[in-house]
PDB file of N, CA and C in Angstrom:
ATOM      1  N   MET A   1      -7.121  -4.342 -16.585  1.00  0.00           N
ATOM      2  CA  MET A   1      -7.433  -2.692 -16.325  1.00  0.00           C
ATOM      3  C   MET A   1      -6.678  -1.932 -17.382  1.00  0.00           C
ATOM      4  N   PRO A   2      -7.132  -1.090 -17.892  1.00  0.00           N
ATOM      5  CA  PRO A   2      -6.291  -0.297 -18.974  1.00  0.00           C
ATOM      6  C   PRO A   2      -4.973   0.383 -18.091  1.00  0.00           C
ATOM      7  N   ASP A   3      -4.113   0.844 -19.011  1.00  0.00           N
ATOM      8  CA  ASP A   3      -3.133   1.452 -18.307  1.00  0.00           C
ATOM      9  C   ASP A   3      -3.459   2.594 -17.970  1.00  0.00           C
ATOM     10  N   ALA A   4      -2.811   3.159 -16.592  1.00  0.00           N
ATOM     11  CA  ALA A   4      -3.400   4.242 -15.762  1.00  0.00           C
ATOM     12  C   ALA A   4      -3.525   5.348 -16.588  1.00  0.00           C
ATOM     13  N   ARG A   5      -2.541   5.730 -17.577  1.00  0.00           N
ATOM     14  CA  ARG A   5      -2.762   7.016 -18.452  1.00  0.00           C
ATOM     15  C   ARG A   5      -3.795   6.860 -19.273  1.00  0.00           C
ATOM     16  N   GLN A   6      -4.645   5.610 -19.543  1.00  0.00           N
ATOM     17  CA  GLN A   6      -5.704   5.861 -20.395  1.00  0.00           C
ATOM     18  C   GLN A   6      -6.903   5.627 -19.678  1.00  0.00           C
ATOM     19  N   MET A   7      -6.806   5.601 -18.202  1.00  0.00           N
ATOM     20  CA  MET A   7      -8.117   5.459 -17.438  1.00  0.00           C
ATOM     21  C   MET A   7      -8.988   6.569 -17.515  1.00  0.00           C
ATOM     22  N   SER A   8     -10.028   6.314 -17.498  1.00  0.00           N
ATOM     23  CA  SER A   8     -11.104   7.506 -17.573  1.00  0.00           C
ATOM     24  C   SER A   8     -11.118   7.955 -15.990  1.00  0.00           C
ATOM     25  N   GLY A   9     -11.639   8.857 -15.864  1.00  0.00           N
ATOM     26  CA  GLY A   9     -11.753   9.444 -14.499  1.00  0.00           C
ATOM     27  C   GLY A   9     -12.276   8.765 -13.701  1.00  0.00           C
ATOM     28  N   GLU A  10     -13.669   8.268 -14.266  1.00  0.00           N
ATOM     29  CA  GLU A  10     -14.432   7.353 -13.421  1.00  0.00           C
ATOM     30  C   GLU A  10     -14.069   6.015 -13.106  1.00  0.00           C
ATOM     31  N   ASP A  11     -13.305   5.364 -14.089  1.00  0.00           N
ATOM     32  CA  ASP A  11     -12.544   4.251 -13.716  1.00  0.00           C
ATOM     33  C   ASP A  11     -11.441   4.369 -12.424  1.00  0.00           C
ATOM     34  N   ALA A  12     -10.833   5.347 -12.403  1.00  0.00           N
ATOM     35  CA  ALA A  12      -9.724   5.867 -11.617  1.00  0.00           C
ATOM     36  C   ALA A  12     -10.489   6.019 -10.424  1.00  0.00           C
ATOM     37  N   GLU A  13     -11.578   6.996 -10.203  1.00  0.00           N
ATOM     38  CA  GLU A  13     -12.327   6.960  -9.245  1.00  0.00           C
ATOM     39  C   GLU A  13     -12.821   5.606  -8.359  1.00  0.00           C
ATOM     40  N   LYS A  14     -13.203   4.714  -9.118  1.00  0.00           N
ATOM     41  CA  LYS A  14     -13.463   3.327  -8.906  1.00  0.00           C
ATOM     42  C   LYS A  14     -12.596   2.690  -8.080  1.00  0.00           C
ATOM     43  N   ALA A  15     -11.153   2.593  -8.898  1.00  0.00           N
ATOM     44  CA  ALA A  15     -10.010   1.931  -8.540  1.00  0.00           C
ATOM     45  C   ALA A  15      -9.711   2.608  -6.998  1.00  0.00           C
ATOM     46  N   LEU A  16      -9.771   3.783  -7.076  1.00  0.00           N
ATOM     47  CA  LEU A  16      -9.208   4.655  -5.833  1.00  0.00           C
ATOM     48  C   LEU A  16     -10.153   4.001  -4.621  1.00  0.00           C
ATOM     49  N   ALA A  17     -11.590   4.026  -4.725  1.00  0.00           N
ATOM     50  CA  ALA A  17     -12.208   3.810  -3.876  1.00  0.00           C
ATOM     51  C   ALA A  17     -12.070   2.160  -3.263  1.00  0.00           C
ATOM     52  N   GLU A  18     -12.025   1.296  -4.388  1.00  0.00           N
ATOM     53  CA  GLU A  18     -11.526  -0.132  -4.087  1.00  0.00           C
ATOM     54  C   GLU A  18     -10.584  -0.409  -3.196  1.00  0.00           C
ATOM     55  N   LEU A  19      -9.407   0.314  -3.670  1.00  0.00           N
ATOM     56  CA  LEU A  19      -8.097   0.243  -2.993  1.00  0.00           C
ATOM     57  C   LEU A  19      -8.311   0.912  -1.488  1.00  0.00           C
ATOM     58  N   SER A  20      -8.913   1.972  -1.443  1.00  0.00           N
ATOM     59  CA  SER A  20      -9.046   2.590  -0.145  1.00  0.00           C
ATOM     60  C   SER A  20      -9.935   1.738   0.827  1.00  0.00           C
ATOM     61  N   ARG A  21     -10.925   1.113   0.415  1.00  0.00           N
ATOM     62  CA  ARG A  21     -11.934   0.048   1.039  1.00  0.00           C
ATOM     63  C   ARG A  21     -10.937  -1.142   1.495  1.00  0.00           C
ATOM     64  N   ASP A  22     -10.310  -1.569   0.702  1.00  0.00           N
ATOM     65  CA  ASP A  22      -9.552  -2.836   0.881  1.00  0.00           C
ATOM     66  C   ASP A  22      -8.225  -2.619   1.906  1.00  0.00           C
ATOM     67  N   HIS A  23      -7.831  -1.671   1.776  1.00  0.00           N
ATOM     68  CA  HIS A  23      -6.580  -1.195   2.790  1.00  0.00           C
ATOM     69  C   HIS A  23      -6.882   0.283   3.399  1.00  0.00           C
ATOM     70  N   PRO A  24      -7.362   0.001   4.521  1.00  0.00           N
ATOM     71  CA  PRO A  24      -8.060   1.317   5.283  1.00  0.00           C
ATOM     72  C   PRO A  24      -6.843   1.881   6.091  1.00  0.00           C
ATOM     73  N   ARG A  25      -5.977   1.421   6.332  1.00  0.00           N
ATOM     74  CA  ARG A  25      -4.771   1.817   6.992  1.00  0.00           C
ATOM     75  C   ARG A  25      -3.820   2.565   5.956  1.00  0.00           C
ATOM     76  N   TRP A  26      -3.929   2.764   4.915  1.00  0.00           N
ATOM     77  CA  TRP A  26      -3.277   3.398   3.734  1.00  0.00           C
ATOM     78  C   TRP A  26      -3.949   4.551   3.146  1.00  0.00           C
ATOM     79  N   ARG A  27      -3.237   5.737   3.044  1.00  0.00           N
ATOM     80  CA  ARG A  27      -3.860   6.780   2.228  1.00  0.00           C
ATOM     81  C   ARG A  27      -3.293   6.635   0.715  1.00  0.00           C
ATOM     82  N   ILE A  28      -4.259   6.592  -0.252  1.00  0.00           N
ATOM     83  CA  ILE A  28      -4.047   5.971  -1.518  1.00  0.00           C
ATOM     84  C   ILE A  28      -4.277   7.227  -2.228  1.00  0.00           C
ATOM     85  N   TRP A  29      -3.458   7.277  -3.441  1.00  0.00           N
ATOM     86  CA  TRP A  29      -3.758   8.590  -4.470  1.00  0.00           C
ATOM     87  C   TRP A  29      -3.128   8.229  -5.750  1.00  0.00           C
ATOM     88  N   ARG A  30      -3.676   8.939  -6.832  1.00  0.00           N
ATOM     89  CA  ARG A  30      -3.076   8.818  -8.007  1.00  0.00           C
ATOM     90  C   ARG A  30      -2.615  10.230  -8.286  1.00  0.00           C
ATOM     91  N   SER A  31      -1.290  10.212  -8.866  1.00  0.00           N
ATOM     92  CA  SER A  31      -0.847  11.486  -9.358  1.00  0.00           C
ATOM     93  C   SER A  31      -1.197  11.940 -10.469  1.00  0.00           C
ATOM     94  N   SER A  32      -1.082  13.397 -10.807  1.00  0.00           N
ATOM     95  CA  SER A  32      -1.471  13.838 -12.082  1.00  0.00           C
ATOM     96  C   SER A  32      -0.917  13.372 -13.311  1.00  0.00           C
ATOM     97  N   ASP A  33       0.188  12.419 -13.097  1.00  0.00           N
ATOM     98  CA  ASP A  33       0.689  11.714 -14.316  1.00  0.00           C
ATOM     99  C   ASP A  33       0.585  10.237 -14.192  1.00  0.00           C
ATOM    100  N   GLY A  34      -0.645   9.975 -13.632  1.00  0.00           N
ATOM    101  CA  GLY A  34      -1.135   8.675 -13.645  1.00  0.00           C
ATOM    102  C   GLY A  34      -0.696   7.799 -12.946  1.00  0.00           C
ATOM    103  N   HIS A  35       0.228   8.194 -12.046  1.00  0.00           N
ATOM    104  CA  HIS A  35       1.029   6.911 -11.160  1.00  0.00           C
ATOM    105  C   HIS A  35       0.243   7.045  -9.751  1.00  0.00           C
ATOM    106  N   TRP A  36       0.024   5.656  -9.405  1.00  0.00           N
ATOM    107  CA  TRP A  36      -0.662   5.303  -8.067  1.00  0.00           C
ATOM    108  C   TRP A  36       0.480   5.156  -6.941  1.00  0.00           C
ATOM    109  N   TYR A  37      -0.189   5.747  -5.546  1.00  0.00           N
ATOM    110  CA  TYR A  37       1.025   5.905  -4.514  1.00  0.00           C
ATOM    111  C   TYR A  37       0.087   5.513  -3.199  1.00  0.00           C
ATOM    112  N   ALA A  38       0.689   5.043  -2.088  1.00  0.00           N
ATOM    113  CA  ALA A  38       0.117   4.513  -1.128  1.00  0.00           C
ATOM    114  C   ALA A  38       0.918   5.021   0.175  1.00  0.00           C
ATOM    115  N   SER A  39       0.572   5.738   1.236  1.00  0.00           N
ATOM    116  CA  SER A  39       1.366   6.003   2.384  1.00  0.00           C
ATOM    117  C   SER A  39       0.835   5.530   3.660  1.00  0.00           C
ATOM    118  N   ARG A  40       1.251   4.897   4.337  1.00  0.00           N
ATOM    119  CA  ARG A  40       0.741   4.226   5.664  1.00  0.00           C
ATOM    120  C   ARG A  40       0.461   5.288   6.513  1.00  0.00           C
ATOM    121  N   THR A  41      -0.779   5.272   7.228  1.00  0.00           N
ATOM    122  CA  THR A  41      -1.364   6.097   8.117  1.00  0.00           C
ATOM    123  C   THR A  41      -1.041   5.396   9.562  1.00  0.00           C
ATOM    124  N   GLY A  42      -1.159   6.349  10.219  1.00  0.00           N
ATOM    125  CA  GLY A  42      -0.668   5.998  11.779  1.00  0.00           C
ATOM    126  C   GLY A  42       0.762   6.492  12.247  1.00  0.00           C
ATOM    127  N   ARG A  43       1.239   5.674  13.298  1.00  0.00           N
ATOM    128  CA  ARG A  43       2.587   5.862  13.612  1.00  0.00           C
ATOM    129  C   ARG A  43       3.677   5.382  12.407  1.00  0.00           C
ATOM    130  N   VAL A  44       4.625   6.078  13.029  1.00  0.00           N
ATOM    131  CA  VAL A  44       6.128   5.516  12.181  1.00  0.00           C
ATOM    132  C   VAL A  44       6.638   4.164  12.363  1.00  0.00           C
ATOM    133  N   LEU A  45       6.886   3.445  11.396  1.00  0.00           N
ATOM    134  CA  LEU A  45       7.404   2.217  11.823  1.00  0.00           C
ATOM    135  C   LEU A  45       8.687   2.061  12.571  1.00  0.00           C
ATOM    136  N   PRO A  46       8.979   1.186  13.267  1.00  0.00           N
ATOM    137  CA  PRO A  46      10.592   1.223  13.923  1.00  0.00           C
ATOM    138  C   PRO A  46      11.604   0.534  12.838  1.00  0.00           C
ATOM    139  N   GLU A  47      12.653   0.847  12.937  1.00  0.00           N
ATOM    140  CA  GLU A  47      13.791   0.248  12.335  1.00  0.00           C
ATOM    141  C   GLU A  47      13.676  -0.988  11.674  1.00  0.00           C
ATOM    142  N   ARG A  48      13.349  -1.699  12.758  1.00  0.00           N
ATOM    143  CA  ARG A  48      13.586  -3.363  12.609  1.00  0.00           C
ATOM    144  C   ARG A  48      12.310  -3.706  11.538  1.00  0.00           C
ATOM    145  N   ALA A  49      11.278  -2.953  11.380  1.00  0.00           N
ATOM    146  CA  ALA A  49      10.221  -3.342  10.600  1.00  0.00           C
ATOM    147  C   ALA A  49      10.594  -2.795   9.134  1.00  0.00           C
ATOM    148  N   PHE A  50      11.458  -1.887   8.750  1.00  0.00           N
ATOM    149  CA  PHE A  50      11.878  -1.507   7.538  1.00  0.00           C
ATOM    150  C   PHE A  50      12.799  -2.555   7.244  1.00  0.00           C
ATOM    151  N   GLU A  51      13.491  -3.212   8.153  1.00  0.00           N
ATOM    152  CA  GLU A  51      14.576  -4.137   7.814  1.00  0.00           C
ATOM    153  C   GLU A  51      13.887  -5.410   7.329  1.00  0.00           C
ATOM    154  N   ALA A  52      12.699  -5.486   7.597  1.00  0.00           N
ATOM    155  CA  ALA A  52      11.895  -6.831   7.438  1.00  0.00           C
ATOM    156  C   ALA A  52      11.291  -6.569   6.265  1.00  0.00           C
ATOM    157  N   GLY A  53      11.265  -5.377   5.435  1.00  0.00           N
ATOM    158  CA  GLY A  53      10.350  -5.136   4.183  1.00  0.00           C
ATOM    159  C   GLY A  53       9.313  -4.446   4.176  1.00  0.00           C
ATOM    160  N   LEU A  54       9.044  -3.905   5.378  1.00  0.00           N
ATOM    161  CA  LEU A  54       7.674  -3.076   5.604  1.00  0.00           C
ATOM    162  C   LEU A  54       8.193  -1.551   4.919  1.00  0.00           C
ATOM    163  N   ALA A  55       7.159  -0.844   4.540  1.00  0.00           N
ATOM    164  CA  ALA A  55       7.502   0.516   3.909  1.00  0.00           C
ATOM    165  C   ALA A  55       6.384   1.408   4.472  1.00  0.00           C
ATOM    166  N   MET A  56       6.834   2.833   4.534  1.00  0.00           N
ATOM    167  CA  MET A  56       5.756   3.613   4.982  1.00  0.00           C
ATOM    168  C   MET A  56       5.002   4.335   3.587  1.00  0.00           C
ATOM    169  N   THR A  57       5.661   4.284   2.391  1.00  0.00           N
ATOM    170  CA  THR A  57       5.191   4.748   1.182  1.00  0.00           C
ATOM    171  C   THR A  57       5.584   3.744   0.004  1.00  0.00           C
ATOM    172  N   LEU A  58       4.490   3.746  -0.634  1.00  0.00           N
ATOM    173  CA  LEU A  58       4.793   2.766  -1.791  1.00  0.00           C
ATOM    174  C   LEU A  58       4.202   3.399  -2.763  1.00  0.00           C
ATOM    175  N   GLY A  59       4.739   3.028  -4.388  1.00  0.00           N
ATOM    176  CA  GLY A  59       4.096   3.747  -5.327  1.00  0.00           C
ATOM    177  C   GLY A  59       5.021   3.893  -6.701  1.00  0.00           C
ATOM    178  N   GLY A  60       4.326   4.676  -7.343  1.00  0.00           N
ATOM    179  CA  GLY A  60       5.085   4.857  -8.851  1.00  0.00           C
ATOM    180  C   GLY A  60       4.380   3.826  -9.679  1.00  0.00           C
ATOM    181  N   GLU A  61       3.314   3.036  -9.415  1.00  0.00           N
ATOM    182  CA  GLU A  61       2.735   1.913 -10.209  1.00  0.00           C
ATOM    183  C   GLU A  61       1.984   2.511 -11.106  1.00  0.00           C
ATOM    184  N   GLU A  62       1.750   2.342 -12.237  1.00  0.00           N
ATOM    185  CA  GLU A  62       1.070   2.779 -13.260  1.00  0.00           C
ATOM    186  C   GLU A  62      -0.296   2.137 -13.572  1.00  0.00           C
ATOM    187  N   ASP A  63      -0.458   0.800 -12.719  1.00  0.00           N
ATOM    188  CA  ASP A  63      -1.762   0.244 -12.665  1.00  0.00           C
ATOM    189  C   ASP A  63      -1.947  -0.162 -11.251  1.00  0.00           C
ATOM    190  N   PRO A  64      -3.335   0.251 -10.957  1.00  0.00           N
ATOM    191  CA  PRO A  64      -3.673   0.321  -9.609  1.00  0.00           C
ATOM    192  C   PRO A  64      -3.927  -1.121  -9.080  1.00  0.00           C
ATOM    193  N   ASP A  65      -3.934  -2.193 -10.074  1.00  0.00           N
ATOM    194  CA  ASP A  65      -3.815  -3.476  -9.587  1.00  0.00           C
ATOM    195  C   ASP A  65      -2.388  -4.021  -8.892  1.00  0.00           C
ATOM    196  N   GLN A  66      -1.394  -3.344  -9.680  1.00  0.00           N
ATOM    197  CA  GLN A  66       0.022  -3.451  -9.064  1.00  0.00           C
ATOM    198  C   GLN A  66       0.141  -2.918  -7.484  1.00  0.00           C
ATOM    199  N   LEU A  67      -0.452  -1.708  -7.528  1.00  0.00           N
ATOM    200  CA  LEU A  67      -0.194  -1.314  -6.153  1.00  0.00           C
ATOM    201  C   LEU A  67      -1.170  -1.956  -5.390  1.00  0.00           C
ATOM    202  N   GLY A  68      -2.151  -2.291  -5.743  1.00  0.00           N
ATOM    203  CA  GLY A  68      -2.916  -3.327  -4.839  1.00  0.00           C
ATOM    204  C   GLY A  68      -1.991  -4.601  -4.167  1.00  0.00           C
ATOM    205  N   ALA A  69      -1.282  -5.307  -5.151  1.00  0.00           N
ATOM    206  CA  ALA A  69      -0.576  -6.329  -4.898  1.00  0.00           C
ATOM    207  C   ALA A  69       0.514  -5.952  -3.956  1.00  0.00           C
ATOM    208  N   LEU A  70       1.066  -4.749  -3.993  1.00  0.00           N
ATOM    209  CA  LEU A  70       2.051  -4.316  -3.182  1.00  0.00           C
ATOM    210  C   LEU A  70       1.310  -4.126  -1.879  1.00  0.00           C
ATOM    211  N   LEU A  71       0.278  -3.653  -1.717  1.00  0.00           N
ATOM    212  CA  LEU A  71      -0.268  -3.530  -0.360  1.00  0.00           C
ATOM    213  C   LEU A  71      -0.594  -4.980   0.286  1.00  0.00           C
ATOM    214  N   VAL A  72      -1.304  -5.724  -0.280  1.00  0.00           N
ATOM    215  CA  VAL A  72      -1.312  -6.929   0.228  1.00  0.00           C
ATOM    216  C   VAL A  72       0.007  -7.856   0.488  1.00  0.00           C
ATOM    217  N   ARG A  73       1.085  -7.575  -0.127  1.00  0.00           N
ATOM    218  CA  ARG A  73       2.278  -7.824   0.121  1.00  0.00           C
ATOM    219  C   ARG A  73       2.820  -7.512   1.410  1.00  0.00           C
ATOM    220  N   GLN A  74       2.550  -6.177   1.614  1.00  0.00           N
ATOM    221  CA  GLN A  74       2.571  -5.595   2.871  1.00  0.00           C
ATOM    222  C   GLN A  74       2.208  -5.825   4.197  1.00  0.00           C
ATOM    223  N   ARG A  75       0.857  -6.217   4.010  1.00  0.00           N
ATOM    224  CA  ARG A  75      -0.232  -6.749   4.987  1.00  0.00           C
ATOM    225  C   ARG A  75       0.381  -8.006   5.318  1.00  0.00           C
ATOM    226  N   VAL A  76       0.809  -8.902   4.382  1.00  0.00           N
ATOM    227  CA  VAL A  76       1.565 -10.414   4.887  1.00  0.00           C
ATOM    228  C   VAL A  76       2.866  -9.947   5.505  1.00  0.00           C
ATOM    229  N   LEU A  77       3.605  -9.364   5.069  1.00  0.00           N
ATOM    230  CA  LEU A  77       5.142  -9.051   5.644  1.00  0.00           C
ATOM    231  C   LEU A  77       4.745  -8.433   7.039  1.00  0.00           C
ATOM    232  N   GLY A  78       3.682  -7.802   7.420  1.00  0.00           N
ATOM    233  CA  GLY A  78       3.385  -6.824   8.642  1.00  0.00           C
ATOM    234  C   GLY A  78       2.809  -7.887   9.488  1.00  0.00           C
ATOM    235  N   GLU A  79       1.911  -9.006   8.985  1.00  0.00           N
ATOM    236  CA  GLU A  79       1.582  -9.858   9.923  1.00  0.00           C
ATOM    237  C   GLU A  79       2.673 -10.959  10.485  1.00  0.00           C
ATOM    238  N   LYS A  80       3.587 -11.413   9.616  1.00  0.00           N
ATOM    239  CA  LYS A  80       4.815 -11.977   9.799  1.00  0.00           C
ATOM    240  C   LYS A  80       5.624 -11.034  10.846  1.00  0.00           C
ATOM    241  N   PHE A  81       5.966 -10.162  10.624  1.00  0.00           N
ATOM    242  CA  PHE A  81       6.840  -9.133  11.581  1.00  0.00           C
ATOM    243  C   PHE A  81       6.228  -9.023  12.960  1.00  0.00           C
ATOM    244  N   ALA A  82       4.753  -8.850  12.911  1.00  0.00           N
ATOM    245  CA  ALA A  82       4.215  -8.910  14.336  1.00  0.00           C
ATOM    246  C   ALA A  82       4.402 -10.179  15.199  1.00  0.00           C
ATOM    247  N   GLU A  83       4.074 -11.233  14.314  1.00  0.00           N
ATOM    248  CA  GLU A  83       4.174 -12.432  14.907  1.00  0.00           C
ATOM    249  C   GLU A  83       5.625 -12.894  15.473  1.00  0.00           C
ATOM    250  N   ARG A  84       6.739 -12.496  14.610  1.00  0.00           N
ATOM    251  CA  ARG A  84       7.990 -12.311  15.113  1.00  0.00           C
ATOM    252  C   ARG A  84       8.525 -11.721  16.344  1.00  0.00           C
ATOM    253  N   MET A  85       7.881 -10.440  16.677  1.00  0.00           N
ATOM    254  CA  MET A  85       7.762  -9.654  17.667  1.00  0.00           C
ATOM    255  C   MET A  85       7.188 -10.075  18.699  1.00  0.00           C
ATOM    256  N   ALA A  86       6.090 -10.663  18.733  1.00  0.00           N
ATOM    257  CA  ALA A  86       5.290 -11.259  19.698  1.00  0.00           C
ATOM    258  C   ALA A  86       5.962 -12.230  20.368  1.00  0.00           C
ATOM    259  N   ALA A  87       6.721 -13.192  19.299  1.00  0.00           N
ATOM    260  CA  ALA A  87       7.449 -14.401  19.856  1.00  0.00           C
ATOM    261  C   ALA A  87       8.755 -14.122  20.734  1.00  0.00           C
ATOM    262  N   ALA A  88       9.314 -12.995  20.223  1.00  0.00           N
ATOM    263  CA  ALA A  88      10.629 -12.251  20.933  1.00  0.00           C
ATOM    264  C   ALA A  88      10.272 -11.540  22.045  1.00  0.00           C
ATOM    265  N   GLY A  89       9.065 -11.358  22.357  1.00  0.00           N
ATOM    266  CA  GLY A  89       8.213 -10.388  23.814  1.00  0.00           C
ATOM    267  C   GLY A  89       8.479  -9.135  23.350  1.00  0.00           C
ATOM    268  N   LEU A  90       8.548  -8.640  21.925  1.00  0.00           N
ATOM    269  CA  LEU A  90       8.841  -7.268  21.773  1.00  0.00           C
ATOM    270  C   LEU A  90       7.711  -6.429  21.302  1.00  0.00           C
ATOM    271  N   ALA A  91       6.588  -7.220  21.203  1.00  0.00           N
ATOM    272  CA  ALA A  91       5.399  -6.427  20.765  1.00  0.00           C
ATOM    273  C   ALA A  91       4.480  -5.804  21.957  1.00  0.00           C
TER     274      ALA A  91
END
């Protein structure tokens, strides 16, 4: 995928649609300077979730694929965190 600053409006819209479809629990946007961001929707995470590596907002990436990779990583971390909390009787 081309550098975000070189993406056409159509390419950026397509990337936004794909990211939004693949990560429905995140609000995703592209800033005016071409960087990609995502904010988790819903409730604020507990402190132990942040300690486990989860985030409420991600971004500053110049490539939407990089942001997508971060979002996938957040999903994996979230699943592992939920498993640990359930095992500890905290879920």
